[in-house]
Amino acid sequence: MQWNIQALVKRFNGKLFNSGYELLDDHHVDHLCTLTAGKPGGIGFLHHPKYSVELYQTQASLVLVPEDFRPTQPAAAILMGVAHPYRCFALLMEEINHSRMDAKVGVELPAYMGQQVVIGANSYRGAFSYIGNHVVIGDNVKIYPQVYIGDHVTIGSDTLLYSGVKVADYTVIGRRCILYPGAVIGSGGFGFFTNADQSYQRIPSIGNVVLADDVEIGANATVDAATIGQTSIGQGTKIDNLVQVAHNVEIGKHTGIAAQAGIAGSTKIGAYCRLGGQIGIAGHLELGDQVTALGRAGITRSFKKGQVTLSGTPAFEHSKFLACYAQFKKFASSRRKDI
């Protein structure tokens, strides 16, 4: 893939620093790279001053730097000042990724497709994929090998299902979603009642899962179907690998959930929340908008007003947690002196 440097300057509203040689209109770069592994023709980026040594040593042809950066010594690379170097670099990465995805078109055999299935233009179905009955799939959807899609599923345009994804009956997936390998959407919830003899009787999940547009579900993450009604994930929400979302959970838009988090049934989570790794949230709770839960927090009560940072188990306001922890450390120190 090639980019014209002058075109990149216009695209990112950039500013070129002294490159040490004349920049021609047809000067191109053709790949992305790190500063340490940079080679001629490559584009790298600097997002923190601590990597300045690598900047002056790199053999990359172009480096994106913060717009307020001022070089302290000559650099072999052309330096382009932009507002957000990492963001600009990520946009170029996305271009490469799309070019690879766009190359995937058609059907690899063997693949199974049921009755009354509608598939949009420019779709891709990998070998050993399975599509059930009464399924509607939009344009530019990529279904990689060994994906299972049950009956009455709807998948929006430009969505990507990587190998091994399982989508249960009646699931609704929006546009531009990404489901990473091994994700399971719509599995039965963990619902039981106890019989007189203390044995368990399963409560079936006859609801479904609804993923809004631009949702991402990480590898081996699971989103359970609702007992009745729906489990819903809001627009733009990103869920990391190995996350468990239980039945009837509702998650608002643009919330991020890190790996190994677990959310119990019927809990409601607001928009723009940030939930750290290995957190646990008990069932039937409600978190308002803009809640941040630090890693390993155990949330056992509701914080409906939102706009709070939580930590600890049971979780409470992080500022109070730090104050309590300071006293705990003093107590431990004093006890050592007494012994």
C-alpha atoms as a PDB file:
ATOM      1  CA  MET A   1       0.000   0.000   0.000  1.00  0.00           C
ATOM      2  CA  GLN A   2       1.322   3.451  -0.852  1.00  0.00           C
ATOM      3  CA  TRP A   3       0.709   6.943   0.480  1.00  0.00           C
ATOM      4  CA  ASN A   4       1.861  10.219  -1.027  1.00  0.00           C
ATOM      5  CA  ILE A   5       3.540  12.287   1.671  1.00  0.00           C
ATOM      6  CA  GLN A   6       2.164  15.599   0.430  1.00  0.00           C
ATOM      7  CA  ALA A   7      -1.329  14.054   0.430  1.00  0.00           C
ATOM      8  CA  LEU A   8      -0.810  12.907   4.029  1.00  0.00           C
ATOM      9  CA  VAL A   9       0.164  16.451   5.002  1.00  0.00           C
ATOM     10  CA  LYS A  10      -3.136  17.754   3.647  1.00  0.00           C
ATOM     11  CA  ARG A  11      -5.159  14.871   5.055  1.00  0.00           C
ATOM     12  CA  PHE A  12      -3.875  15.235   8.625  1.00  0.00           C
ATOM     13  CA  ASN A  13      -3.430  19.022   8.492  1.00  0.00           C
ATOM     14  CA  GLY A  14       0.222  18.365   9.219  1.00  0.00           C
ATOM     15  CA  LYS A  15       3.365  20.438   9.223  1.00  0.00           C
ATOM     16  CA  LEU A  16       6.689  19.179   7.847  1.00  0.00           C
ATOM     17  CA  PHE A  17       9.847  19.877   9.770  1.00  0.00           C
ATOM     18  CA  ASN A  18      13.199  20.219   8.012  1.00  0.00           C
ATOM     19  CA  SER A  19      13.697  16.861   6.357  1.00  0.00           C
ATOM     20  CA  GLY A  20      17.295  17.392   5.290  1.00  0.00           C
ATOM     21  CA  TYR A  21      16.444  16.866   1.609  1.00  0.00           C
ATOM     22  CA  GLU A  22      13.971  18.076  -0.952  1.00  0.00           C
ATOM     23  CA  LEU A  23      10.526  16.524  -0.776  1.00  0.00           C
ATOM     24  CA  LEU A  24       9.169  15.813  -4.240  1.00  0.00           C
ATOM     25  CA  ASP A  25       5.486  15.740  -5.161  1.00  0.00           C
ATOM     26  CA  ASP A  26       5.722  12.055  -6.047  1.00  0.00           C
ATOM     27  CA  HIS A  27       7.506  11.048  -2.829  1.00  0.00           C
ATOM     28  CA  HIS A  28       5.709   7.998  -1.405  1.00  0.00           C
ATOM     29  CA  VAL A  29       5.886   5.736   1.624  1.00  0.00           C
ATOM     30  CA  ASP A  30       4.614   2.186   1.453  1.00  0.00           C
ATOM     31  CA  HIS A  31       4.435   0.510   4.874  1.00  0.00           C
ATOM     32  CA  LEU A  32       3.982   1.111   8.600  1.00  0.00           C
ATOM     33  CA  CYS A  33       6.688   0.372  11.140  1.00  0.00           C
ATOM     34  CA  THR A  34       7.988   0.997  14.641  1.00  0.00           C
ATOM     35  CA  LEU A  35      10.815   3.467  15.121  1.00  0.00           C
ATOM     36  CA  THR A  36      13.292   0.774  16.177  1.00  0.00           C
ATOM     37  CA  ALA A  37      12.502  -1.450  13.183  1.00  0.00           C
ATOM     38  CA  GLY A  38      12.095   1.414  10.734  1.00  0.00           C
ATOM     39  CA  LYS A  39      13.314   0.982   7.162  1.00  0.00           C
ATOM     40  CA  PRO A  40      13.253   3.261   4.101  1.00  0.00           C
ATOM     41  CA  GLY A  41       9.710   3.670   2.827  1.00  0.00           C
ATOM     42  CA  GLY A  42       8.238   3.183   6.291  1.00  0.00           C
ATOM     43  CA  ILE A  43       5.977   5.390   8.423  1.00  0.00           C
ATOM     44  CA  GLY A  44       6.487   5.478  12.185  1.00  0.00           C
ATOM     45  CA  PHE A  45       5.107   7.668  14.955  1.00  0.00           C
ATOM     46  CA  LEU A  46       6.290   9.321  18.168  1.00  0.00           C
ATOM     47  CA  HIS A  47       3.691   9.801  20.879  1.00  0.00           C
ATOM     48  CA  HIS A  48       5.937  10.269  23.953  1.00  0.00           C
ATOM     49  CA  PRO A  49       9.232  12.185  24.386  1.00  0.00           C
ATOM     50  CA  LYS A  50      10.899   9.188  26.063  1.00  0.00           C
ATOM     51  CA  TYR A  51      11.187   7.592  22.606  1.00  0.00           C
ATOM     52  CA  SER A  52      13.086  10.551  21.144  1.00  0.00           C
ATOM     53  CA  VAL A  53      16.346   8.561  20.958  1.00  0.00           C
ATOM     54  CA  GLU A  54      14.695   6.044  18.642  1.00  0.00           C
ATOM     55  CA  LEU A  55      13.314   8.933  16.584  1.00  0.00           C
ATOM     56  CA  TYR A  56      16.773  10.218  15.706  1.00  0.00           C
ATOM     57  CA  GLN A  57      18.100   6.709  15.019  1.00  0.00           C
ATOM     58  CA  THR A  58      15.252   5.337  12.913  1.00  0.00           C
ATOM     59  CA  GLN A  59      15.688   4.572   9.229  1.00  0.00           C
ATOM     60  CA  ALA A  60      11.979   5.114   8.533  1.00  0.00           C
ATOM     61  CA  SER A  61      11.225   7.669   5.832  1.00  0.00           C
ATOM     62  CA  LEU A  62       8.420   9.503   7.661  1.00  0.00           C
ATOM     63  CA  VAL A  63       7.617   9.897  11.356  1.00  0.00           C
ATOM     64  CA  LEU A  64       4.432  11.433  12.716  1.00  0.00           C
ATOM     65  CA  VAL A  65       5.233  13.602  15.753  1.00  0.00           C
ATOM     66  CA  PRO A  66       3.159  15.893  18.032  1.00  0.00           C
ATOM     67  CA  GLU A  67       2.544  19.275  16.432  1.00  0.00           C
ATOM     68  CA  ASP A  68       4.367  21.048  19.280  1.00  0.00           C
ATOM     69  CA  PHE A  69       7.431  18.801  18.961  1.00  0.00           C
ATOM     70  CA  ARG A  70      10.725  20.544  18.243  1.00  0.00           C
ATOM     71  CA  PRO A  71      13.672  18.404  17.108  1.00  0.00           C
ATOM     72  CA  THR A  72      16.898  18.903  19.042  1.00  0.00           C
ATOM     73  CA  GLN A  73      19.139  17.299  16.423  1.00  0.00           C
ATOM     74  CA  PRO A  74      18.955  16.298  12.764  1.00  0.00           C
ATOM     75  CA  ALA A  75      16.830  13.265  11.917  1.00  0.00           C
ATOM     76  CA  ALA A  76      17.138  11.063   8.858  1.00  0.00           C
ATOM     77  CA  ALA A  77      13.368  10.778   8.626  1.00  0.00           C
ATOM     78  CA  ILE A  78      10.930  13.423   7.466  1.00  0.00           C
ATOM     79  CA  LEU A  79       9.078  14.676  10.546  1.00  0.00           C
ATOM     80  CA  MET A  80       5.399  15.568  10.209  1.00  0.00           C
ATOM     81  CA  GLY A  81       3.767  17.403  13.094  1.00  0.00           C
ATOM     82  CA  VAL A  82       0.118  16.421  13.645  1.00  0.00           C
ATOM     83  CA  ALA A  83      -2.401  16.908  16.440  1.00  0.00           C
ATOM     84  CA  HIS A  84      -2.605  13.217  17.388  1.00  0.00           C
ATOM     85  CA  PRO A  85       0.229  11.056  15.982  1.00  0.00           C
ATOM     86  CA  TYR A  86      -1.081   7.767  17.365  1.00  0.00           C
ATOM     87  CA  ARG A  87      -4.604   8.436  16.078  1.00  0.00           C
ATOM     88  CA  CYS A  88      -3.306   9.281  12.604  1.00  0.00           C
ATOM     89  CA  PHE A  89      -1.150   6.144  12.621  1.00  0.00           C
ATOM     90  CA  ALA A  90      -4.172   4.075  13.678  1.00  0.00           C
ATOM     91  CA  LEU A  91      -6.170   5.464  10.741  1.00  0.00           C
ATOM     92  CA  LEU A  92      -3.472   4.261   8.370  1.00  0.00           C
ATOM     93  CA  MET A  93      -3.525   0.864  10.075  1.00  0.00           C
ATOM     94  CA  GLU A  94      -7.280   0.752   9.543  1.00  0.00           C
ATOM     95  CA  GLU A  95      -6.784   1.422   5.827  1.00  0.00           C
ATOM     96  CA  ILE A  96      -4.484  -1.575   5.555  1.00  0.00           C
ATOM     97  CA  ASN A  97      -6.911  -3.716   7.522  1.00  0.00           C
ATOM     98  CA  HIS A  98      -9.820  -2.728   5.272  1.00  0.00           C
ATOM     99  CA  SER A  99      -7.816  -3.488   2.149  1.00  0.00           C
ATOM    100  CA  ARG A 100      -7.217  -6.998   3.459  1.00  0.00           C
ATOM    101  CA  MET A 101     -10.858  -7.468   4.402  1.00  0.00           C
ATOM    102  CA  ASP A 102     -12.111  -6.187   1.048  1.00  0.00           C
ATOM    103  CA  ALA A 103     -10.126  -8.898  -0.690  1.00  0.00           C
ATOM    104  CA  LYS A 104     -12.313 -11.520   0.996  1.00  0.00           C
ATOM    105  CA  VAL A 105     -15.309 -12.046  -1.299  1.00  0.00           C
ATOM    106  CA  GLY A 106     -17.294 -15.108  -2.341  1.00  0.00           C
ATOM    107  CA  VAL A 107     -17.870 -18.551  -0.875  1.00  0.00           C
ATOM    108  CA  GLU A 108     -15.307 -21.162   0.111  1.00  0.00           C
ATOM    109  CA  LEU A 109     -16.607 -24.702  -0.060  1.00  0.00           C
ATOM    110  CA  PRO A 110     -17.800 -26.621   1.814  1.00  0.00           C
ATOM    111  CA  ALA A 111     -20.178 -24.118   3.421  1.00  0.00           C
ATOM    112  CA  TYR A 112     -23.802 -24.565   4.472  1.00  0.00           C
ATOM    113  CA  MET A 113     -26.677 -22.140   3.979  1.00  0.00           C
ATOM    114  CA  GLY A 114     -30.256 -22.840   5.074  1.00  0.00           C
ATOM    115  CA  GLN A 115     -33.571 -21.824   3.557  1.00  0.00           C
ATOM    116  CA  GLN A 116     -34.891 -18.295   3.008  1.00  0.00           C
ATOM    117  CA  VAL A 117     -31.538 -16.628   3.620  1.00  0.00           C
ATOM    118  CA  VAL A 118     -30.822 -13.130   2.306  1.00  0.00           C
ATOM    119  CA  ILE A 119     -27.167 -12.149   1.845  1.00  0.00           C
ATOM    120  CA  GLY A 120     -26.040  -8.731   0.673  1.00  0.00           C
ATOM    121  CA  ALA A 121     -23.434  -7.781  -1.903  1.00  0.00           C
ATOM    122  CA  ASN A 122     -19.676  -8.321  -1.543  1.00  0.00           C
ATOM    123  CA  SER A 123     -20.061 -10.821   1.278  1.00  0.00           C
ATOM    124  CA  TYR A 124     -17.577 -13.538   2.200  1.00  0.00           C
ATOM    125  CA  ARG A 125     -18.326 -16.981   3.633  1.00  0.00           C
ATOM    126  CA  GLY A 126     -15.394 -19.081   4.715  1.00  0.00           C
ATOM    127  CA  ALA A 127     -15.099 -22.847   4.510  1.00  0.00           C
ATOM    128  CA  PHE A 128     -17.140 -24.883   7.014  1.00  0.00           C
ATOM    129  CA  SER A 129     -19.298 -21.896   7.950  1.00  0.00           C
ATOM    130  CA  TYR A 130     -22.936 -22.604   8.806  1.00  0.00           C
ATOM    131  CA  ILE A 131     -25.904 -20.306   8.238  1.00  0.00           C
ATOM    132  CA  GLY A 132     -29.334 -21.377   9.469  1.00  0.00           C
ATOM    133  CA  ASN A 133     -32.798 -20.611   8.154  1.00  0.00           C
ATOM    134  CA  HIS A 134     -34.471 -17.205   7.779  1.00  0.00           C
ATOM    135  CA  VAL A 135     -31.207 -15.269   8.209  1.00  0.00           C
ATOM    136  CA  VAL A 136     -30.679 -11.740   6.873  1.00  0.00           C
ATOM    137  CA  ILE A 137     -27.098 -10.606   6.250  1.00  0.00           C
ATOM    138  CA  GLY A 138     -26.181  -7.132   4.996  1.00  0.00           C
ATOM    139  CA  ASP A 139     -23.620  -5.954   2.455  1.00  0.00           C
ATOM    140  CA  ASN A 140     -19.873  -6.464   2.914  1.00  0.00           C
ATOM    141  CA  VAL A 141     -20.262  -8.921   5.796  1.00  0.00           C
ATOM    142  CA  LYS A 142     -17.261 -11.214   6.298  1.00  0.00           C
ATOM    143  CA  ILE A 143     -17.953 -14.634   7.806  1.00  0.00           C
ATOM    144  CA  TYR A 144     -14.743 -16.520   8.419  1.00  0.00           C
ATOM    145  CA  PRO A 145     -14.329 -20.319   8.469  1.00  0.00           C
ATOM    146  CA  GLN A 146     -16.125 -22.355  11.125  1.00  0.00           C
ATOM    147  CA  VAL A 147     -18.568 -19.619  12.078  1.00  0.00           C
ATOM    148  CA  TYR A 148     -22.019 -20.815  13.209  1.00  0.00           C
ATOM    149  CA  ILE A 149     -25.069 -18.596  12.654  1.00  0.00           C
ATOM    150  CA  GLY A 150     -28.397 -19.894  13.928  1.00  0.00           C
ATOM    151  CA  ASP A 151     -31.934 -19.372  12.642  1.00  0.00           C
ATOM    152  CA  HIS A 152     -33.660 -15.979  12.389  1.00  0.00           C
ATOM    153  CA  VAL A 153     -30.423 -14.032  12.894  1.00  0.00           C
ATOM    154  CA  THR A 154     -29.973 -10.518  11.491  1.00  0.00           C
ATOM    155  CA  ILE A 155     -26.489  -9.132  10.768  1.00  0.00           C
ATOM    156  CA  GLY A 156     -25.923  -5.553   9.621  1.00  0.00           C
ATOM    157  CA  SER A 157     -23.642  -4.388   6.817  1.00  0.00           C
ATOM    158  CA  ASP A 158     -19.841  -4.257   7.135  1.00  0.00           C
ATOM    159  CA  THR A 159     -19.796  -6.605  10.124  1.00  0.00           C
ATOM    160  CA  LEU A 160     -16.936  -9.047  10.620  1.00  0.00           C
ATOM    161  CA  LEU A 161     -17.232 -12.477  12.259  1.00  0.00           C
ATOM    162  CA  TYR A 162     -13.877 -14.160  12.811  1.00  0.00           C
ATOM    163  CA  SER A 163     -13.312 -17.906  12.883  1.00  0.00           C
ATOM    164  CA  GLY A 164     -15.132 -19.906  15.510  1.00  0.00           C
ATOM    165  CA  VAL A 165     -17.776 -17.319  16.364  1.00  0.00           C
ATOM    166  CA  LYS A 166     -21.118 -18.785  17.441  1.00  0.00           C
ATOM    167  CA  VAL A 167     -24.314 -16.749  17.025  1.00  0.00           C
ATOM    168  CA  ALA A 168     -27.472 -18.268  18.471  1.00  0.00           C
ATOM    169  CA  ASP A 169     -31.020 -18.076  17.107  1.00  0.00           C
ATOM    170  CA  TYR A 170     -32.814 -14.699  16.940  1.00  0.00           C
ATOM    171  CA  THR A 171     -29.679 -12.663  17.628  1.00  0.00           C
ATOM    172  CA  VAL A 172     -29.595  -9.171  16.135  1.00  0.00           C
ATOM    173  CA  ILE A 173     -26.175  -7.729  15.236  1.00  0.00           C
ATOM    174  CA  GLY A 174     -25.798  -4.162  14.011  1.00  0.00           C
ATOM    175  CA  ARG A 175     -23.589  -2.593  11.364  1.00  0.00           C
ATOM    176  CA  ARG A 176     -19.798  -2.464  11.515  1.00  0.00           C
ATOM    177  CA  CYS A 177     -19.590  -4.871  14.434  1.00  0.00           C
ATOM    178  CA  ILE A 178     -16.558  -7.100  15.008  1.00  0.00           C
ATOM    179  CA  LEU A 179     -16.805 -10.465  16.740  1.00  0.00           C
ATOM    180  CA  TYR A 180     -13.395 -11.958  17.450  1.00  0.00           C
ATOM    181  CA  PRO A 181     -12.523 -15.684  17.372  1.00  0.00           C
ATOM    182  CA  GLY A 182     -14.483 -17.882  19.734  1.00  0.00           C
ATOM    183  CA  ALA A 183     -17.035 -15.285  20.821  1.00  0.00           C
ATOM    184  CA  VAL A 184     -20.410 -16.804  21.718  1.00  0.00           C
ATOM    185  CA  ILE A 185     -23.485 -14.618  21.346  1.00  0.00           C
ATOM    186  CA  GLY A 186     -26.861 -15.815  22.637  1.00  0.00           C
ATOM    187  CA  SER A 187     -25.910 -18.843  24.709  1.00  0.00           C
ATOM    188  CA  GLY A 188     -28.306 -19.933  27.457  1.00  0.00           C
ATOM    189  CA  GLY A 189     -28.177 -17.908  30.661  1.00  0.00           C
ATOM    190  CA  PHE A 190     -27.163 -19.324  34.044  1.00  0.00           C
ATOM    191  CA  GLY A 191     -30.662 -19.528  35.458  1.00  0.00           C
ATOM    192  CA  PHE A 192     -31.998 -22.292  37.743  1.00  0.00           C
ATOM    193  CA  PHE A 193     -34.467 -22.822  40.545  1.00  0.00           C
ATOM    194  CA  THR A 194     -34.116 -25.391  43.303  1.00  0.00           C
ATOM    195  CA  ASN A 195     -36.490 -28.347  43.527  1.00  0.00           C
ATOM    196  CA  ALA A 196     -37.770 -29.804  46.781  1.00  0.00           C
ATOM    197  CA  ASP A 197     -35.027 -32.425  46.673  1.00  0.00           C
ATOM    198  CA  GLN A 198     -32.403 -29.645  46.252  1.00  0.00           C
ATOM    199  CA  SER A 199     -31.754 -30.569  42.625  1.00  0.00           C
ATOM    200  CA  TYR A 200     -31.570 -27.810  40.018  1.00  0.00           C
ATOM    201  CA  GLN A 201     -34.184 -27.096  37.359  1.00  0.00           C
ATOM    202  CA  ARG A 202     -32.982 -25.001  34.420  1.00  0.00           C
ATOM    203  CA  ILE A 203     -34.850 -21.840  33.490  1.00  0.00           C
ATOM    204  CA  PRO A 204     -34.660 -21.662  29.682  1.00  0.00           C
ATOM    205  CA  SER A 205     -33.540 -18.516  27.882  1.00  0.00           C
ATOM    206  CA  ILE A 206     -36.217 -17.722  25.299  1.00  0.00           C
ATOM    207  CA  GLY A 207     -35.123 -14.114  24.753  1.00  0.00           C
ATOM    208  CA  ASN A 208     -32.281 -12.937  22.530  1.00  0.00           C
ATOM    209  CA  VAL A 209     -29.224 -10.675  22.266  1.00  0.00           C
ATOM    210  CA  VAL A 210     -29.137  -7.330  20.461  1.00  0.00           C
ATOM    211  CA  LEU A 211     -25.806  -5.734  19.545  1.00  0.00           C
ATOM    212  CA  ALA A 212     -26.077  -2.133  18.315  1.00  0.00           C
ATOM    213  CA  ASP A 213     -23.859  -0.647  15.600  1.00  0.00           C
ATOM    214  CA  ASP A 214     -20.062  -0.549  16.033  1.00  0.00           C
ATOM    215  CA  VAL A 215     -19.964  -3.045  18.910  1.00  0.00           C
ATOM    216  CA  GLU A 216     -16.878  -5.240  19.335  1.00  0.00           C
ATOM    217  CA  ILE A 217     -16.875  -8.518  21.253  1.00  0.00           C
ATOM    218  CA  GLY A 218     -13.467  -9.969  22.147  1.00  0.00           C
ATOM    219  CA  ALA A 219     -12.124 -13.474  21.671  1.00  0.00           C
ATOM    220  CA  ASN A 220     -13.840 -16.133  23.784  1.00  0.00           C
ATOM    221  CA  ALA A 221     -16.185 -13.588  25.334  1.00  0.00           C
ATOM    222  CA  THR A 222     -19.778 -14.644  25.964  1.00  0.00           C
ATOM    223  CA  VAL A 223     -23.038 -12.695  25.893  1.00  0.00           C
ATOM    224  CA  ASP A 224     -25.986 -14.736  27.175  1.00  0.00           C
ATOM    225  CA  ALA A 225     -29.477 -14.580  25.745  1.00  0.00           C
ATOM    226  CA  ALA A 226     -32.186 -13.026  27.884  1.00  0.00           C
ATOM    227  CA  THR A 227     -34.499 -15.224  29.890  1.00  0.00           C
ATOM    228  CA  ILE A 228     -37.346 -13.157  28.445  1.00  0.00           C
ATOM    229  CA  GLY A 229     -36.806  -9.981  26.438  1.00  0.00           C
ATOM    230  CA  GLN A 230     -33.290  -9.083  25.385  1.00  0.00           C
ATOM    231  CA  THR A 231     -29.704  -8.710  26.492  1.00  0.00           C
ATOM    232  CA  SER A 232     -28.506  -5.485  24.881  1.00  0.00           C
ATOM    233  CA  ILE A 233     -25.118  -3.923  24.133  1.00  0.00           C
ATOM    234  CA  GLY A 234     -25.190  -0.242  23.178  1.00  0.00           C
ATOM    235  CA  GLN A 235     -23.679   1.506  20.182  1.00  0.00           C
ATOM    236  CA  GLY A 236     -19.901   1.648  20.040  1.00  0.00           C
ATOM    237  CA  THR A 237     -19.332  -0.439  23.177  1.00  0.00           C
ATOM    238  CA  LYS A 238     -16.118  -2.472  23.199  1.00  0.00           C
ATOM    239  CA  ILE A 239     -15.849  -5.721  25.147  1.00  0.00           C
ATOM    240  CA  ASP A 240     -12.450  -7.363  25.637  1.00  0.00           C
ATOM    241  CA  ASN A 241     -11.472 -11.042  25.551  1.00  0.00           C
ATOM    242  CA  LEU A 242     -12.846 -13.513  28.112  1.00  0.00           C
ATOM    243  CA  VAL A 243     -15.647 -11.288  29.376  1.00  0.00           C
ATOM    244  CA  GLN A 244     -18.930 -12.794  30.607  1.00  0.00           C
ATOM    245  CA  VAL A 245     -22.145 -10.810  30.099  1.00  0.00           C
ATOM    246  CA  ALA A 246     -25.085 -12.624  31.669  1.00  0.00           C
ATOM    247  CA  HIS A 247     -28.752 -12.801  30.696  1.00  0.00           C
ATOM    248  CA  ASN A 248     -30.836  -9.598  30.514  1.00  0.00           C
ATOM    249  CA  VAL A 249     -27.846  -7.323  31.086  1.00  0.00           C
ATOM    250  CA  GLU A 250     -28.182  -3.891  29.488  1.00  0.00           C
ATOM    251  CA  ILE A 251     -25.022  -1.931  28.600  1.00  0.00           C
ATOM    252  CA  GLY A 252     -25.141   1.627  27.292  1.00  0.00           C
ATOM    253  CA  LYS A 253     -23.281   3.186  24.402  1.00  0.00           C
ATOM    254  CA  HIS A 254     -19.519   3.673  24.157  1.00  0.00           C
ATOM    255  CA  THR A 255     -18.675   1.684  27.286  1.00  0.00           C
ATOM    256  CA  GLY A 256     -15.400  -0.229  27.508  1.00  0.00           C
ATOM    257  CA  ILE A 257     -15.002  -3.493  29.442  1.00  0.00           C
ATOM    258  CA  ALA A 258     -11.552  -5.041  29.917  1.00  0.00           C
ATOM    259  CA  ALA A 259     -10.644  -8.725  29.957  1.00  0.00           C
ATOM    260  CA  GLN A 260     -11.951 -11.281  32.445  1.00  0.00           C
ATOM    261  CA  ALA A 261     -14.755  -9.075  33.725  1.00  0.00           C
ATOM    262  CA  GLY A 262     -18.005 -10.723  34.791  1.00  0.00           C
ATOM    263  CA  ILE A 263     -21.427  -9.081  34.834  1.00  0.00           C
ATOM    264  CA  ALA A 264     -24.258 -10.962  36.508  1.00  0.00           C
ATOM    265  CA  GLY A 265     -27.824 -11.137  35.246  1.00  0.00           C
ATOM    266  CA  SER A 266     -30.252  -8.216  34.882  1.00  0.00           C
ATOM    267  CA  THR A 267     -27.641  -5.563  35.704  1.00  0.00           C
ATOM    268  CA  LYS A 268     -27.863  -2.220  33.907  1.00  0.00           C
ATOM    269  CA  ILE A 269     -24.699  -0.311  32.975  1.00  0.00           C
ATOM    270  CA  GLY A 270     -24.830   3.222  31.617  1.00  0.00           C
ATOM    271  CA  ALA A 271     -23.040   4.951  28.768  1.00  0.00           C
ATOM    272  CA  TYR A 272     -19.367   5.957  28.619  1.00  0.00           C
ATOM    273  CA  CYS A 273     -18.368   3.630  31.474  1.00  0.00           C
ATOM    274  CA  ARG A 274     -14.862   2.196  31.840  1.00  0.00           C
ATOM    275  CA  LEU A 275     -14.709  -1.181  33.567  1.00  0.00           C
ATOM    276  CA  GLY A 276     -11.266  -2.601  34.340  1.00  0.00           C
ATOM    277  CA  GLY A 277      -9.939  -6.117  34.093  1.00  0.00           C
ATOM    278  CA  GLN A 278     -11.221  -8.874  36.382  1.00  0.00           C
ATOM    279  CA  ILE A 279     -14.003  -6.756  37.842  1.00  0.00           C
ATOM    280  CA  GLY A 280     -17.165  -8.446  39.063  1.00  0.00           C
ATOM    281  CA  ILE A 281     -20.635  -6.914  39.138  1.00  0.00           C
ATOM    282  CA  ALA A 282     -23.430  -8.597  41.080  1.00  0.00           C
ATOM    283  CA  GLY A 283     -26.844  -9.114  39.555  1.00  0.00           C
ATOM    284  CA  HIS A 284     -29.830  -6.739  39.434  1.00  0.00           C
ATOM    285  CA  LEU A 285     -27.666  -3.632  40.028  1.00  0.00           C
ATOM    286  CA  GLU A 286     -27.596  -0.332  38.162  1.00  0.00           C
ATOM    287  CA  LEU A 287     -24.563   1.781  37.272  1.00  0.00           C
ATOM    288  CA  GLY A 288     -25.170   5.227  35.824  1.00  0.00           C
ATOM    289  CA  ASP A 289     -23.240   6.930  33.056  1.00  0.00           C
ATOM    290  CA  GLN A 290     -19.485   7.549  33.245  1.00  0.00           C
ATOM    291  CA  VAL A 291     -18.687   5.012  35.949  1.00  0.00           C
ATOM    292  CA  THR A 292     -15.057   3.916  36.086  1.00  0.00           C
ATOM    293  CA  ALA A 293     -14.295   0.677  37.924  1.00  0.00           C
ATOM    294  CA  LEU A 294     -10.617  -0.041  38.506  1.00  0.00           C
ATOM    295  CA  GLY A 295      -9.223  -3.537  38.021  1.00  0.00           C
ATOM    296  CA  ARG A 296     -10.521  -6.305  40.319  1.00  0.00           C
ATOM    297  CA  ALA A 297     -13.251  -4.109  41.777  1.00  0.00           C
ATOM    298  CA  GLY A 298     -16.137  -6.110  43.197  1.00  0.00           C
ATOM    299  CA  ILE A 299     -19.338  -4.119  42.765  1.00  0.00           C
ATOM    300  CA  THR A 300     -22.096  -5.276  45.100  1.00  0.00           C
ATOM    301  CA  ARG A 301     -24.442  -2.263  45.150  1.00  0.00           C
ATOM    302  CA  SER A 302     -25.852   0.222  42.666  1.00  0.00           C
ATOM    303  CA  PHE A 303     -24.327   3.602  41.781  1.00  0.00           C
ATOM    304  CA  LYS A 304     -27.225   5.027  39.812  1.00  0.00           C
ATOM    305  CA  LYS A 305     -25.980   8.618  39.666  1.00  0.00           C
ATOM    306  CA  GLY A 306     -22.814   7.588  37.820  1.00  0.00           C
ATOM    307  CA  GLN A 307     -19.792   9.839  37.335  1.00  0.00           C
ATOM    308  CA  VAL A 308     -17.796   7.997  39.968  1.00  0.00           C
ATOM    309  CA  THR A 309     -14.571   5.981  40.120  1.00  0.00           C
ATOM    310  CA  LEU A 310     -14.790   2.751  42.104  1.00  0.00           C
ATOM    311  CA  SER A 311     -12.214   0.373  43.536  1.00  0.00           C
ATOM    312  CA  GLY A 312     -11.894  -2.398  46.099  1.00  0.00           C
ATOM    313  CA  THR A 313     -14.199  -5.217  47.158  1.00  0.00           C
ATOM    314  CA  PRO A 314     -16.905  -4.389  48.056  1.00  0.00           C
ATOM    315  CA  ALA A 315     -16.297  -1.454  45.725  1.00  0.00           C
ATOM    316  CA  PHE A 316     -16.762   2.157  46.824  1.00  0.00           C
ATOM    317  CA  GLU A 317     -15.451   5.588  45.800  1.00  0.00           C
ATOM    318  CA  HIS A 318     -11.775   5.412  44.893  1.00  0.00           C
ATOM    319  CA  SER A 319     -10.844   8.559  46.828  1.00  0.00           C
ATOM    320  CA  LYS A 320     -12.313   7.052  50.015  1.00  0.00           C
ATOM    321  CA  PHE A 321     -10.629   3.746  49.231  1.00  0.00           C
ATOM    322  CA  LEU A 322      -7.231   5.452  49.082  1.00  0.00           C
ATOM    323  CA  ALA A 323      -7.845   7.206  52.404  1.00  0.00           C
ATOM    324  CA  CYS A 324      -8.819   3.910  54.036  1.00  0.00           C
ATOM    325  CA  TYR A 325      -5.829   2.163  52.503  1.00  0.00           C
ATOM    326  CA  ALA A 326      -3.485   4.807  53.903  1.00  0.00           C
ATOM    327  CA  GLN A 327      -4.854   4.139  57.390  1.00  0.00           C
ATOM    328  CA  PHE A 328      -4.549   0.396  56.811  1.00  0.00           C
ATOM    329  CA  LYS A 329      -0.861   0.779  55.976  1.00  0.00           C
ATOM    330  CA  LYS A 330      -0.278   2.875  59.104  1.00  0.00           C
ATOM    331  CA  PHE A 331      -2.023   0.229  61.184  1.00  0.00           C
ATOM    332  CA  ALA A 332       0.134  -2.532  59.726  1.00  0.00           C
ATOM    333  CA  SER A 333       3.291  -0.503  60.413  1.00  0.00           C
ATOM    334  CA  SER A 334       2.316   0.193  64.012  1.00  0.00           C
ATOM    335  CA  ARG A 335       1.521  -3.461  64.639  1.00  0.00           C
ATOM    336  CA  ARG A 336       5.000  -4.468  63.473  1.00  0.00           C
ATOM    337  CA  LYS A 337       6.554  -2.077  65.992  1.00  0.00           C
ATOM    338  CA  ASP A 338       4.490  -3.554  68.815  1.00  0.00           C
ATOM    339  CA  ILE A 339       5.597  -7.097  68.111  1.00  0.00           C
END
